[in-house]
Amino acid sequence: MDAWTYHFDAFMKRFYGIDHRDAGMDDAQLARYRDLSPEEAAKTFGEDYDLDRIDRRFW
């Protein structure tokens, strides 16, 4: 695993509680987000697939 993917997974876990494997992402899907920082890529992926963030409270 390269550094970008490692950090992307860390942000995915922080924001959504899953990593790229849990999300079913393959190398082609990861490549679509590599032009972004890992943090921005995780947020964008979550928005693209309408994922609920776990790091935000609802009250």
N, C-alpha and C. Protein backbone atom coordinates (compact mmCIF):
# COMPACT_ATOMS: atom_id res chain seq x y z
N MET A 1 0.86 -1.18 0.00
CA MET A 1 0.00 0.00 0.00
C MET A 1 0.90 1.24 0.00
N ASP A 2 0.62 2.16 -0.88
CA ASP A 2 1.42 3.38 -0.94
C ASP A 2 0.94 4.40 0.10
N ALA A 3 1.70 5.46 0.26
CA ALA A 3 1.40 6.47 1.30
C ALA A 3 0.06 7.15 1.06
N TRP A 4 -0.25 7.46 -0.20
CA TRP A 4 -1.53 8.14 -0.48
C TRP A 4 -2.70 7.26 -0.05
N THR A 5 -2.67 5.98 -0.42
CA THR A 5 -3.76 5.07 -0.06
C THR A 5 -3.85 4.89 1.45
N TYR A 6 -2.70 4.80 2.11
CA TYR A 6 -2.68 4.69 3.57
C TYR A 6 -3.41 5.87 4.21
N HIS A 7 -3.10 7.07 3.78
CA HIS A 7 -3.72 8.27 4.34
C HIS A 7 -5.19 8.40 3.92
N PHE A 8 -5.49 8.02 2.69
CA PHE A 8 -6.89 7.99 2.23
C PHE A 8 -7.71 7.07 3.14
N ASP A 9 -7.20 5.87 3.40
CA ASP A 9 -7.90 4.94 4.29
C ASP A 9 -8.08 5.52 5.69
N ALA A 10 -7.06 6.21 6.19
CA ALA A 10 -7.16 6.81 7.52
C ALA A 10 -8.29 7.83 7.57
N PHE A 11 -8.41 8.66 6.55
CA PHE A 11 -9.50 9.64 6.51
C PHE A 11 -10.85 8.97 6.28
N MET A 12 -10.89 7.93 5.45
CA MET A 12 -12.14 7.19 5.25
C MET A 12 -12.63 6.60 6.58
N LYS A 13 -11.71 6.03 7.35
CA LYS A 13 -12.09 5.46 8.64
C LYS A 13 -12.55 6.55 9.60
N ARG A 14 -11.87 7.68 9.59
CA ARG A 14 -12.23 8.79 10.47
C ARG A 14 -13.60 9.36 10.12
N PHE A 15 -13.86 9.54 8.83
CA PHE A 15 -15.11 10.18 8.41
C PHE A 15 -16.28 9.20 8.29
N TYR A 16 -16.00 7.95 7.84
CA TYR A 16 -17.10 7.03 7.50
C TYR A 16 -17.02 5.67 8.18
N GLY A 17 -15.93 5.38 8.87
CA GLY A 17 -15.80 4.11 9.57
C GLY A 17 -15.46 2.93 8.68
N ILE A 18 -15.02 3.20 7.45
CA ILE A 18 -14.64 2.14 6.51
C ILE A 18 -13.36 2.53 5.80
N ASP A 19 -12.67 1.55 5.21
CA ASP A 19 -11.53 1.87 4.35
C ASP A 19 -11.91 1.56 2.90
N HIS A 20 -10.96 1.72 1.99
CA HIS A 20 -11.30 1.55 0.57
C HIS A 20 -11.71 0.12 0.25
N ARG A 21 -11.15 -0.85 0.96
CA ARG A 21 -11.54 -2.25 0.72
C ARG A 21 -12.98 -2.49 1.16
N ASP A 22 -13.33 -1.95 2.33
CA ASP A 22 -14.71 -2.08 2.82
C ASP A 22 -15.70 -1.44 1.84
N ALA A 23 -15.27 -0.36 1.20
CA ALA A 23 -16.13 0.35 0.25
C ALA A 23 -16.19 -0.35 -1.11
N GLY A 24 -15.37 -1.38 -1.28
CA GLY A 24 -15.37 -2.12 -2.55
C GLY A 24 -14.62 -1.42 -3.66
N MET A 25 -13.71 -0.52 -3.31
CA MET A 25 -12.97 0.23 -4.32
C MET A 25 -11.84 -0.62 -4.90
N ASP A 26 -11.69 -0.59 -6.22
CA ASP A 26 -10.55 -1.23 -6.86
C ASP A 26 -9.56 -0.14 -7.28
N ASP A 27 -8.47 -0.56 -7.92
CA ASP A 27 -7.44 0.40 -8.31
C ASP A 27 -7.95 1.46 -9.27
N ALA A 28 -8.85 1.08 -10.17
CA ALA A 28 -9.40 2.05 -11.13
C ALA A 28 -10.22 3.12 -10.41
N GLN A 29 -10.99 2.72 -9.41
CA GLN A 29 -11.78 3.70 -8.66
C GLN A 29 -10.87 4.59 -7.82
N LEU A 30 -9.85 4.02 -7.20
CA LEU A 30 -8.91 4.84 -6.43
C LEU A 30 -8.23 5.87 -7.33
N ALA A 31 -7.90 5.47 -8.54
CA ALA A 31 -7.20 6.37 -9.47
C ALA A 31 -8.01 7.62 -9.79
N ARG A 32 -9.32 7.52 -9.74
CA ARG A 32 -10.18 8.68 -10.03
C ARG A 32 -10.03 9.79 -9.00
N TYR A 33 -9.54 9.45 -7.81
CA TYR A 33 -9.45 10.42 -6.72
C TYR A 33 -8.01 10.83 -6.41
N ARG A 34 -7.02 10.24 -7.07
CA ARG A 34 -5.62 10.48 -6.73
C ARG A 34 -5.13 11.89 -7.01
N ASP A 35 -5.83 12.65 -7.80
CA ASP A 35 -5.40 14.02 -8.05
C ASP A 35 -5.75 14.93 -6.88
N LEU A 36 -6.51 14.42 -5.92
CA LEU A 36 -6.88 15.17 -4.71
C LEU A 36 -6.00 14.73 -3.55
N SER A 37 -5.95 15.55 -2.52
CA SER A 37 -5.27 15.12 -1.30
C SER A 37 -6.06 13.95 -0.71
N PRO A 38 -5.44 13.09 0.10
CA PRO A 38 -6.19 11.97 0.68
C PRO A 38 -7.42 12.41 1.47
N GLU A 39 -7.31 13.52 2.20
CA GLU A 39 -8.46 14.01 2.97
C GLU A 39 -9.59 14.45 2.04
N GLU A 40 -9.25 15.25 1.04
CA GLU A 40 -10.26 15.74 0.10
C GLU A 40 -10.85 14.58 -0.72
N ALA A 41 -10.02 13.62 -1.05
CA ALA A 41 -10.50 12.45 -1.80
C ALA A 41 -11.51 11.66 -0.99
N ALA A 42 -11.24 11.46 0.30
CA ALA A 42 -12.18 10.73 1.15
C ALA A 42 -13.51 11.47 1.25
N LYS A 43 -13.45 12.78 1.44
CA LYS A 43 -14.68 13.57 1.52
C LYS A 43 -15.45 13.51 0.20
N THR A 44 -14.74 13.64 -0.91
CA THR A 44 -15.38 13.62 -2.21
C THR A 44 -16.00 12.26 -2.50
N PHE A 45 -15.28 11.19 -2.16
CA PHE A 45 -15.84 9.85 -2.35
C PHE A 45 -17.12 9.70 -1.54
N GLY A 46 -17.09 10.13 -0.30
CA GLY A 46 -18.28 10.05 0.55
C GLY A 46 -19.45 10.83 -0.02
N GLU A 47 -19.17 12.00 -0.56
CA GLU A 47 -20.24 12.80 -1.18
C GLU A 47 -20.75 12.13 -2.45
N ASP A 48 -19.83 11.58 -3.25
CA ASP A 48 -20.22 10.92 -4.49
C ASP A 48 -21.16 9.74 -4.24
N TYR A 49 -20.95 9.04 -3.13
CA TYR A 49 -21.73 7.84 -2.83
C TYR A 49 -22.68 8.05 -1.65
N ASP A 50 -22.90 9.30 -1.28
CA ASP A 50 -23.89 9.66 -0.26
C ASP A 50 -23.68 8.90 1.05
N LEU A 51 -22.44 8.85 1.51
CA LEU A 51 -22.13 8.18 2.78
C LEU A 51 -22.39 9.14 3.94
N ASP A 52 -22.85 8.60 5.04
CA ASP A 52 -23.06 9.40 6.25
C ASP A 52 -21.77 9.47 7.04
N ARG A 53 -21.39 10.66 7.44
CA ARG A 53 -20.17 10.84 8.22
C ARG A 53 -20.42 10.48 9.67
N ILE A 54 -19.44 9.79 10.26
CA ILE A 54 -19.57 9.39 11.66
C ILE A 54 -18.88 10.38 12.60
N ASP A 55 -18.16 11.34 12.04
CA ASP A 55 -17.43 12.29 12.87
C ASP A 55 -18.23 13.55 13.17
N ARG A 56 -19.48 13.57 12.78
CA ARG A 56 -20.34 14.73 13.04
C ARG A 56 -21.50 14.32 13.93
N ARG A 57 -21.80 15.17 14.85
CA ARG A 57 -22.94 14.90 15.74
C ARG A 57 -24.19 15.53 15.13
N PHE A 58 -25.33 14.94 15.43
CA PHE A 58 -26.58 15.39 14.82
C PHE A 58 -27.41 16.29 15.72
N TRP A 59 -26.85 16.80 16.80
CA TRP A 59 -27.65 17.68 17.65
C TRP A 59 -27.07 19.04 17.75
